[in-house]
Amino acid sequence: MDAQSEIRLGTPSYREWQGRWQAAPDESRLSHEEWLARWKSLREWLSQIYNLEPVPVRQRECYVVDDAFQERTLQIEIQKVDILTEAFLVYVQRWLQSQAPLWRVAVPTDGTNENLVLVYPTLISVNVAVGESIDAFCERIRPKVHEAKVEGRRKLGLTW
């Protein structure tokens, strides 16, 4: 199998493809500098509306994970489940459209592949039930996001 056949183009859901992804077939190789610039850009964009810093007086709402992928994908971890809405995902999509059109953003929800949200410049990929809106998906998944956060803290021995 050649390297090109191991890369998926377009806007696949995570259920459809868990391998390498890129926005275009002629895309250049991702450099650390490019990744770091986009990571900082997304942090700045989100911090205009959302709290990304863990300060005692105000709970951190989300953060951009600082682990680099080998592709143009950034990951946002939700800390305050109330922000997981269609409006939040559209806000992230606006960043992609204006500042990172060859990128996508992954938003893990409940720890399962089927409910991983992928935001592309042209599409928001969520596991909606037939006839369900993105907002309805977000409302349905929020309790599972909370449960996953509590379970993760429990496994680490954290009691907060």
N, C-alpha and C. Protein backbone atom coordinates (compact mmCIF):
# COMPACT_ATOMS: atom_id res chain seq x y z
N MET A 1 0.85 -1.17 0.00
CA MET A 1 0.00 0.00 0.00
C MET A 1 0.90 1.24 0.00
N ASP A 2 0.73 2.15 -0.95
CA ASP A 2 1.57 3.35 -0.98
C ASP A 2 1.04 4.40 -0.01
N ALA A 3 1.89 5.38 0.29
CA ALA A 3 1.54 6.39 1.30
C ALA A 3 0.28 7.17 0.93
N GLN A 4 0.08 7.45 -0.36
CA GLN A 4 -1.08 8.24 -0.78
C GLN A 4 -2.39 7.50 -0.51
N SER A 5 -2.39 6.16 -0.65
CA SER A 5 -3.62 5.41 -0.41
C SER A 5 -3.94 5.31 1.08
N GLU A 6 -3.00 5.69 1.96
CA GLU A 6 -3.23 5.65 3.39
C GLU A 6 -3.73 6.99 3.93
N ILE A 7 -3.93 7.95 3.05
CA ILE A 7 -4.39 9.28 3.45
C ILE A 7 -5.78 9.50 2.90
N ARG A 8 -6.68 10.03 3.72
CA ARG A 8 -8.04 10.31 3.27
C ARG A 8 -8.18 11.80 3.07
N LEU A 9 -8.83 12.18 1.98
CA LEU A 9 -9.12 13.58 1.68
C LEU A 9 -10.59 13.85 1.98
N GLY A 10 -10.98 15.11 1.92
CA GLY A 10 -12.40 15.46 2.09
C GLY A 10 -12.77 15.70 3.54
N THR A 11 -14.00 15.34 3.89
CA THR A 11 -14.53 15.60 5.24
C THR A 11 -15.08 14.32 5.87
N PRO A 12 -14.25 13.30 6.05
CA PRO A 12 -14.77 12.05 6.62
C PRO A 12 -15.06 12.19 8.11
N SER A 13 -16.08 11.46 8.56
CA SER A 13 -16.31 11.39 10.00
C SER A 13 -15.26 10.44 10.57
N TYR A 14 -15.05 10.48 11.86
CA TYR A 14 -14.06 9.59 12.47
C TYR A 14 -14.51 8.14 12.37
N ARG A 15 -15.82 7.92 12.29
CA ARG A 15 -16.34 6.57 12.13
C ARG A 15 -15.95 6.02 10.76
N GLU A 16 -15.84 6.90 9.77
CA GLU A 16 -15.51 6.47 8.41
C GLU A 16 -14.00 6.27 8.21
N TRP A 17 -13.18 7.01 8.95
CA TRP A 17 -11.74 6.97 8.70
C TRP A 17 -10.98 7.39 9.94
N GLN A 18 -10.10 6.52 10.44
CA GLN A 18 -9.27 6.84 11.61
C GLN A 18 -7.80 7.06 11.24
N GLY A 19 -7.49 6.98 9.95
CA GLY A 19 -6.10 7.14 9.51
C GLY A 19 -5.74 8.59 9.25
N ARG A 20 -4.64 8.78 8.54
CA ARG A 20 -4.16 10.14 8.24
C ARG A 20 -5.15 10.85 7.33
N TRP A 21 -5.23 12.17 7.51
CA TRP A 21 -6.16 13.01 6.75
C TRP A 21 -5.41 14.22 6.23
N GLN A 22 -5.82 14.69 5.08
CA GLN A 22 -5.37 15.99 4.61
C GLN A 22 -6.45 16.60 3.75
N ALA A 23 -6.44 17.94 3.69
CA ALA A 23 -7.50 18.67 3.02
C ALA A 23 -7.39 18.59 1.50
N ALA A 24 -6.16 18.52 0.98
CA ALA A 24 -5.96 18.54 -0.47
C ALA A 24 -4.82 17.58 -0.83
N PRO A 25 -4.88 16.98 -2.03
CA PRO A 25 -3.85 16.01 -2.40
C PRO A 25 -2.45 16.61 -2.56
N ASP A 26 -2.36 17.88 -2.89
CA ASP A 26 -1.05 18.52 -3.10
C ASP A 26 -0.59 19.33 -1.90
N GLU A 27 -1.13 19.05 -0.76
CA GLU A 27 -0.82 19.76 0.48
C GLU A 27 0.65 19.55 0.86
N SER A 28 1.31 20.61 1.31
CA SER A 28 2.71 20.50 1.73
C SER A 28 2.82 19.77 3.06
N ARG A 29 4.01 19.31 3.35
CA ARG A 29 4.26 18.62 4.62
C ARG A 29 4.09 19.62 5.78
N LEU A 30 3.51 19.17 6.86
CA LEU A 30 3.26 20.01 8.03
C LEU A 30 4.55 20.23 8.80
N SER A 31 4.89 21.49 9.06
CA SER A 31 6.08 21.80 9.86
C SER A 31 5.65 22.09 11.30
N HIS A 32 6.61 21.99 12.21
CA HIS A 32 6.32 22.31 13.60
C HIS A 32 5.93 23.78 13.74
N GLU A 33 6.57 24.64 12.99
CA GLU A 33 6.29 26.08 13.05
C GLU A 33 4.85 26.37 12.62
N GLU A 34 4.40 25.70 11.54
CA GLU A 34 3.02 25.90 11.08
C GLU A 34 2.04 25.39 12.13
N TRP A 35 2.32 24.21 12.69
CA TRP A 35 1.42 23.66 13.71
C TRP A 35 1.33 24.60 14.90
N LEU A 36 2.48 25.08 15.38
CA LEU A 36 2.50 25.97 16.53
C LEU A 36 1.76 27.27 16.25
N ALA A 37 1.93 27.82 15.06
CA ALA A 37 1.23 29.07 14.69
C ALA A 37 -0.28 28.87 14.71
N ARG A 38 -0.77 27.76 14.18
CA ARG A 38 -2.22 27.50 14.17
C ARG A 38 -2.73 27.22 15.57
N TRP A 39 -1.96 26.50 16.37
CA TRP A 39 -2.35 26.22 17.76
C TRP A 39 -2.53 27.54 18.51
N LYS A 40 -1.56 28.44 18.40
CA LYS A 40 -1.65 29.75 19.05
C LYS A 40 -2.84 30.55 18.51
N SER A 41 -3.04 30.50 17.20
CA SER A 41 -4.14 31.23 16.58
C SER A 41 -5.49 30.76 17.09
N LEU A 42 -5.68 29.45 17.18
CA LEU A 42 -6.96 28.92 17.68
C LEU A 42 -7.14 29.28 19.15
N ARG A 43 -6.10 29.23 19.95
CA ARG A 43 -6.19 29.65 21.36
C ARG A 43 -6.63 31.11 21.47
N GLU A 44 -6.02 31.96 20.67
CA GLU A 44 -6.38 33.38 20.70
C GLU A 44 -7.83 33.58 20.27
N TRP A 45 -8.25 32.88 19.22
CA TRP A 45 -9.62 32.98 18.72
C TRP A 45 -10.62 32.57 19.79
N LEU A 46 -10.39 31.42 20.42
CA LEU A 46 -11.31 30.92 21.44
C LEU A 46 -11.32 31.82 22.67
N SER A 47 -10.16 32.38 23.04
CA SER A 47 -10.08 33.17 24.25
C SER A 47 -10.81 34.52 24.13
N GLN A 48 -11.24 34.87 22.93
CA GLN A 48 -12.05 36.08 22.77
C GLN A 48 -13.41 35.93 23.45
N ILE A 49 -13.88 34.69 23.55
CA ILE A 49 -15.21 34.41 24.12
C ILE A 49 -15.15 33.46 25.31
N TYR A 50 -14.25 32.48 25.26
CA TYR A 50 -14.22 31.41 26.25
C TYR A 50 -12.98 31.51 27.14
N ASN A 51 -13.13 31.04 28.39
CA ASN A 51 -12.01 31.02 29.31
C ASN A 51 -11.19 29.75 29.07
N LEU A 52 -9.93 29.92 28.70
CA LEU A 52 -9.04 28.79 28.46
C LEU A 52 -8.04 28.57 29.59
N GLU A 53 -8.01 29.49 30.54
CA GLU A 53 -7.02 29.41 31.63
C GLU A 53 -7.67 28.90 32.91
N PRO A 54 -6.98 27.99 33.60
CA PRO A 54 -7.51 27.47 34.88
C PRO A 54 -7.22 28.45 36.01
N VAL A 55 -8.14 29.36 36.23
CA VAL A 55 -7.99 30.33 37.32
C VAL A 55 -9.02 30.02 38.40
N PRO A 56 -8.67 30.28 39.66
CA PRO A 56 -9.58 29.92 40.76
C PRO A 56 -10.96 30.58 40.70
N VAL A 57 -11.05 31.79 40.20
CA VAL A 57 -12.33 32.51 40.25
C VAL A 57 -13.26 32.15 39.10
N ARG A 58 -12.74 31.50 38.08
CA ARG A 58 -13.57 31.20 36.92
C ARG A 58 -13.10 29.88 36.30
N GLN A 59 -14.01 28.93 36.16
CA GLN A 59 -13.65 27.62 35.63
C GLN A 59 -13.21 27.71 34.17
N ARG A 60 -12.16 26.98 33.84
CA ARG A 60 -11.73 26.88 32.44
C ARG A 60 -12.82 26.17 31.66
N GLU A 61 -13.22 26.76 30.53
CA GLU A 61 -14.32 26.19 29.74
C GLU A 61 -13.84 25.16 28.72
N CYS A 62 -12.67 25.40 28.17
CA CYS A 62 -12.09 24.47 27.21
C CYS A 62 -10.62 24.81 27.06
N TYR A 63 -9.89 23.97 26.34
CA TYR A 63 -8.50 24.29 26.01
C TYR A 63 -8.12 23.58 24.72
N VAL A 64 -7.10 24.10 24.07
CA VAL A 64 -6.58 23.50 22.85
C VAL A 64 -5.42 22.60 23.27
N VAL A 65 -5.54 21.32 22.96
CA VAL A 65 -4.53 20.34 23.34
C VAL A 65 -3.22 20.69 22.64
N ASP A 66 -2.12 20.59 23.40
CA ASP A 66 -0.83 20.96 22.82
C ASP A 66 0.00 19.77 22.35
N ASP A 67 -0.65 18.66 22.03
CA ASP A 67 0.03 17.53 21.41
C ASP A 67 -0.13 17.64 19.90
N ALA A 68 0.98 17.69 19.19
CA ALA A 68 0.93 17.85 17.73
C ALA A 68 0.58 16.53 17.06
N PHE A 69 -0.34 16.61 16.10
CA PHE A 69 -0.65 15.49 15.23
C PHE A 69 0.31 15.53 14.05
N GLN A 70 0.35 14.51 13.26
CA GLN A 70 1.16 14.50 12.05
C GLN A 70 0.36 15.01 10.86
N GLU A 71 -0.71 15.69 11.13
CA GLU A 71 -1.59 16.23 10.10
C GLU A 71 -2.15 17.55 10.59
N ARG A 72 -2.90 18.23 9.77
CA ARG A 72 -3.45 19.55 10.12
C ARG A 72 -4.77 19.41 10.89
N THR A 73 -4.64 18.87 12.09
CA THR A 73 -5.77 18.67 12.98
C THR A 73 -5.39 19.20 14.36
N LEU A 74 -6.25 20.03 14.93
CA LEU A 74 -6.09 20.48 16.31
C LEU A 74 -7.22 19.88 17.12
N GLN A 75 -7.02 19.77 18.42
CA GLN A 75 -8.04 19.17 19.28
C GLN A 75 -8.40 20.13 20.40
N ILE A 76 -9.70 20.29 20.61
CA ILE A 76 -10.22 21.10 21.72
C ILE A 76 -10.84 20.16 22.74
N GLU A 77 -10.40 20.28 23.98
CA GLU A 77 -10.99 19.53 25.08
C GLU A 77 -12.00 20.43 25.79
N ILE A 78 -13.20 19.93 25.94
CA ILE A 78 -14.26 20.65 26.64
C ILE A 78 -14.12 20.40 28.13
N GLN A 79 -14.11 21.44 28.93
CA GLN A 79 -14.04 21.32 30.38
C GLN A 79 -15.39 21.66 31.03
N LYS A 80 -16.08 22.63 30.48
CA LYS A 80 -17.39 23.03 30.99
C LYS A 80 -18.41 22.62 29.92
N VAL A 81 -19.16 21.59 30.18
CA VAL A 81 -19.98 20.96 29.14
C VAL A 81 -21.05 21.89 28.55
N ASP A 82 -21.44 22.92 29.27
CA ASP A 82 -22.47 23.83 28.77
C ASP A 82 -22.05 24.56 27.49
N ILE A 83 -20.74 24.67 27.23
CA ILE A 83 -20.32 25.39 26.02
C ILE A 83 -20.46 24.52 24.77
N LEU A 84 -20.63 23.21 24.93
CA LEU A 84 -20.76 22.34 23.76
C LEU A 84 -22.14 22.54 23.12
N THR A 85 -22.18 23.47 22.18
CA THR A 85 -23.41 23.82 21.47
C THR A 85 -23.08 23.97 19.99
N GLU A 86 -24.13 24.08 19.20
CA GLU A 86 -23.92 24.35 17.78
C GLU A 86 -23.22 25.70 17.59
N ALA A 87 -23.57 26.68 18.39
CA ALA A 87 -22.94 28.00 18.28
C ALA A 87 -21.43 27.91 18.54
N PHE A 88 -21.01 27.10 19.52
CA PHE A 88 -19.58 26.91 19.79
C PHE A 88 -18.90 26.28 18.59
N LEU A 89 -19.50 25.23 18.03
CA LEU A 89 -18.90 24.53 16.89
C LEU A 89 -18.85 25.44 15.66
N VAL A 90 -19.86 26.26 15.46
CA VAL A 90 -19.86 27.21 14.34
C VAL A 90 -18.78 28.27 14.56
N TYR A 91 -18.57 28.69 15.80
CA TYR A 91 -17.51 29.65 16.11
C TYR A 91 -16.14 29.06 15.75
N VAL A 92 -15.92 27.80 16.08
CA VAL A 92 -14.68 27.11 15.71
C VAL A 92 -14.58 27.02 14.18
N GLN A 93 -15.68 26.72 13.53
CA GLN A 93 -15.69 26.63 12.07
C GLN A 93 -15.34 27.97 11.42
N ARG A 94 -15.79 29.06 12.02
CA ARG A 94 -15.45 30.39 11.48
C ARG A 94 -13.95 30.64 11.55
N TRP A 95 -13.30 30.15 12.59
CA TRP A 95 -11.84 30.26 12.69
C TRP A 95 -11.20 29.48 11.54
N LEU A 96 -11.67 28.27 11.31
CA LEU A 96 -11.13 27.47 10.20
C LEU A 96 -11.30 28.20 8.87
N GLN A 97 -12.48 28.72 8.64
CA GLN A 97 -12.76 29.40 7.37
C GLN A 97 -11.89 30.64 7.18
N SER A 98 -11.64 31.37 8.25
CA SER A 98 -10.90 32.64 8.11
C SER A 98 -9.39 32.50 8.28
N GLN A 99 -8.95 31.49 9.03
CA GLN A 99 -7.53 31.44 9.35
C GLN A 99 -6.83 30.11 9.07
N ALA A 100 -7.58 29.06 8.82
CA ALA A 100 -6.94 27.75 8.65
C ALA A 100 -7.77 26.86 7.71
N PRO A 101 -7.95 27.26 6.46
CA PRO A 101 -8.84 26.51 5.56
C PRO A 101 -8.38 25.10 5.20
N LEU A 102 -7.13 24.75 5.46
CA LEU A 102 -6.64 23.39 5.19
C LEU A 102 -6.59 22.54 6.46
N TRP A 103 -7.22 23.01 7.52
CA TRP A 103 -7.18 22.33 8.80
C TRP A 103 -8.57 21.83 9.19
N ARG A 104 -8.59 21.01 10.25
CA ARG A 104 -9.84 20.60 10.90
C ARG A 104 -9.59 20.60 12.40
N VAL A 105 -10.68 20.56 13.16
CA VAL A 105 -10.60 20.54 14.62
C VAL A 105 -11.40 19.36 15.14
N ALA A 106 -10.78 18.57 16.01
CA ALA A 106 -11.45 17.45 16.66
C ALA A 106 -11.90 17.88 18.05
N VAL A 107 -13.14 17.50 18.41
CA VAL A 107 -13.68 17.79 19.73
C VAL A 107 -14.18 16.48 20.33
N PRO A 108 -13.35 15.82 21.15
CA PRO A 108 -13.80 14.58 21.78
C PRO A 108 -14.97 14.87 22.72
N THR A 109 -15.89 13.91 22.81
CA THR A 109 -17.04 14.10 23.69
C THR A 109 -17.02 13.07 24.82
N ASP A 110 -17.46 11.87 24.52
CA ASP A 110 -17.62 10.86 25.56
C ASP A 110 -16.56 9.76 25.52
N GLY A 111 -15.48 9.98 24.78
CA GLY A 111 -14.41 8.98 24.72
C GLY A 111 -14.62 7.90 23.66
N THR A 112 -15.72 7.98 22.92
CA THR A 112 -15.95 7.00 21.86
C THR A 112 -15.66 7.62 20.50
N ASN A 113 -15.25 6.77 19.57
CA ASN A 113 -15.00 7.25 18.20
C ASN A 113 -16.28 7.73 17.53
N GLU A 114 -17.39 7.07 17.82
CA GLU A 114 -18.64 7.40 17.12
C GLU A 114 -19.17 8.79 17.47
N ASN A 115 -18.80 9.31 18.63
CA ASN A 115 -19.30 10.63 19.04
C ASN A 115 -18.23 11.72 19.00
N LEU A 116 -17.09 11.44 18.37
CA LEU A 116 -16.06 12.46 18.19
C LEU A 116 -16.58 13.47 17.18
N VAL A 117 -16.53 14.74 17.52
CA VAL A 117 -16.98 15.80 16.62
C VAL A 117 -15.77 16.26 15.81
N LEU A 118 -15.94 16.36 14.50
CA LEU A 118 -14.91 16.89 13.62
C LEU A 118 -15.46 18.13 12.94
N VAL A 119 -14.75 19.24 13.10
CA VAL A 119 -15.17 20.50 12.49
C VAL A 119 -14.24 20.80 11.33
N TYR A 120 -14.81 20.92 10.15
CA TYR A 120 -14.09 21.27 8.93
C TYR A 120 -14.54 22.67 8.51
N PRO A 121 -13.78 23.32 7.63
CA PRO A 121 -14.22 24.64 7.16
C PRO A 121 -15.60 24.62 6.48
N THR A 122 -15.97 23.48 5.90
CA THR A 122 -17.23 23.40 5.15
C THR A 122 -18.28 22.50 5.78
N LEU A 123 -17.96 21.84 6.91
CA LEU A 123 -18.86 20.84 7.47
C LEU A 123 -18.57 20.64 8.95
N ILE A 124 -19.62 20.41 9.72
CA ILE A 124 -19.46 19.98 11.11
C ILE A 124 -19.98 18.55 11.17
N SER A 125 -19.09 17.61 11.44
CA SER A 125 -19.42 16.19 11.43
C SER A 125 -19.70 15.72 12.85
N VAL A 126 -20.98 15.42 13.12
CA VAL A 126 -21.39 14.88 14.41
C VAL A 126 -22.24 13.65 14.17
N ASN A 127 -22.37 12.82 15.18
CA ASN A 127 -23.15 11.60 15.10
C ASN A 127 -24.61 11.90 15.45
N VAL A 128 -25.31 12.51 14.51
CA VAL A 128 -26.71 12.86 14.79
C VAL A 128 -27.62 11.69 14.44
N ALA A 129 -28.66 11.55 15.22
CA ALA A 129 -29.70 10.57 14.90
C ALA A 129 -30.51 11.13 13.74
N VAL A 130 -31.23 10.28 13.07
CA VAL A 130 -32.04 10.72 11.94
C VAL A 130 -32.96 11.86 12.36
N GLY A 131 -32.89 12.96 11.64
CA GLY A 131 -33.73 14.10 11.92
C GLY A 131 -33.28 14.98 13.07
N GLU A 132 -32.14 14.65 13.68
CA GLU A 132 -31.64 15.40 14.83
C GLU A 132 -30.74 16.55 14.36
N SER A 133 -30.87 17.68 15.01
CA SER A 133 -30.02 18.83 14.69
C SER A 133 -28.68 18.71 15.42
N ILE A 134 -27.73 19.55 15.06
CA ILE A 134 -26.45 19.57 15.77
C ILE A 134 -26.67 19.97 17.22
N ASP A 135 -27.54 20.97 17.46
CA ASP A 135 -27.82 21.37 18.83
C ASP A 135 -28.44 20.23 19.64
N ALA A 136 -29.32 19.47 19.03
CA ALA A 136 -29.94 18.33 19.73
C ALA A 136 -28.87 17.28 20.07
N PHE A 137 -27.93 17.03 19.14
CA PHE A 137 -26.83 16.12 19.42
C PHE A 137 -26.03 16.62 20.62
N CYS A 138 -25.69 17.92 20.61
CA CYS A 138 -24.90 18.50 21.70
C CYS A 138 -25.62 18.35 23.03
N GLU A 139 -26.92 18.61 23.04
CA GLU A 139 -27.70 18.47 24.27
C GLU A 139 -27.72 17.02 24.74
N ARG A 140 -27.85 16.09 23.78
CA ARG A 140 -27.90 14.66 24.12
C ARG A 140 -26.55 14.17 24.64
N ILE A 141 -25.46 14.69 24.11
CA ILE A 141 -24.14 14.17 24.45
C ILE A 141 -23.53 14.82 25.69
N ARG A 142 -24.02 16.02 26.08
CA ARG A 142 -23.43 16.74 27.22
C ARG A 142 -23.34 15.90 28.50
N PRO A 143 -24.39 15.16 28.90
CA PRO A 143 -24.26 14.34 30.12
C PRO A 143 -23.15 13.28 29.99
N LYS A 144 -22.97 12.74 28.80
CA LYS A 144 -21.91 11.74 28.58
C LYS A 144 -20.53 12.39 28.64
N VAL A 145 -20.43 13.63 28.16
CA VAL A 145 -19.16 14.37 28.26
C VAL A 145 -18.82 14.58 29.73
N HIS A 146 -19.82 14.99 30.50
CA HIS A 146 -19.61 15.19 31.94
C HIS A 146 -19.18 13.89 32.61
N GLU A 147 -19.86 12.80 32.31
CA GLU A 147 -19.51 11.50 32.90
C GLU A 147 -18.08 11.10 32.55
N ALA A 148 -17.68 11.32 31.29
CA ALA A 148 -16.32 10.98 30.86
C ALA A 148 -15.29 11.80 31.61
N LYS A 149 -15.57 13.09 31.86
CA LYS A 149 -14.66 13.95 32.61
C LYS A 149 -14.54 13.46 34.06
N VAL A 150 -15.66 13.15 34.70
CA VAL A 150 -15.65 12.67 36.08
C VAL A 150 -14.88 11.35 36.17
N GLU A 151 -15.11 10.45 35.24
CA GLU A 151 -14.42 9.15 35.24
C GLU A 151 -12.91 9.34 35.03
N GLY A 152 -12.53 10.24 34.13
CA GLY A 152 -11.11 10.52 33.91
C GLY A 152 -10.44 11.06 35.16
N ARG A 153 -11.11 11.97 35.85
CA ARG A 153 -10.56 12.51 37.10
C ARG A 153 -10.45 11.42 38.17
N ARG A 154 -11.48 10.57 38.23
CA ARG A 154 -11.47 9.48 39.22
C ARG A 154 -10.28 8.57 38.98
N LYS A 155 -10.02 8.22 37.73
CA LYS A 155 -8.89 7.33 37.40
C LYS A 155 -7.56 7.95 37.77
N LEU A 156 -7.48 9.27 37.72
CA LEU A 156 -6.24 9.98 38.09
C LEU A 156 -6.15 10.27 39.58
N GLY A 157 -7.22 9.93 40.32
CA GLY A 157 -7.22 10.18 41.76
C GLY A 157 -7.53 11.63 42.12
N LEU A 158 -8.13 12.36 41.18
CA LEU A 158 -8.49 13.75 41.45
C LEU A 158 -9.91 13.81 42.00
N THR A 159 -10.12 14.61 43.01
CA THR A 159 -11.44 14.65 43.64
C THR A 159 -12.21 15.92 43.33
N TRP A 160 -11.69 16.82 42.52
CA TRP A 160 -12.38 18.07 42.19
C TRP A 160 -13.21 17.93 40.97
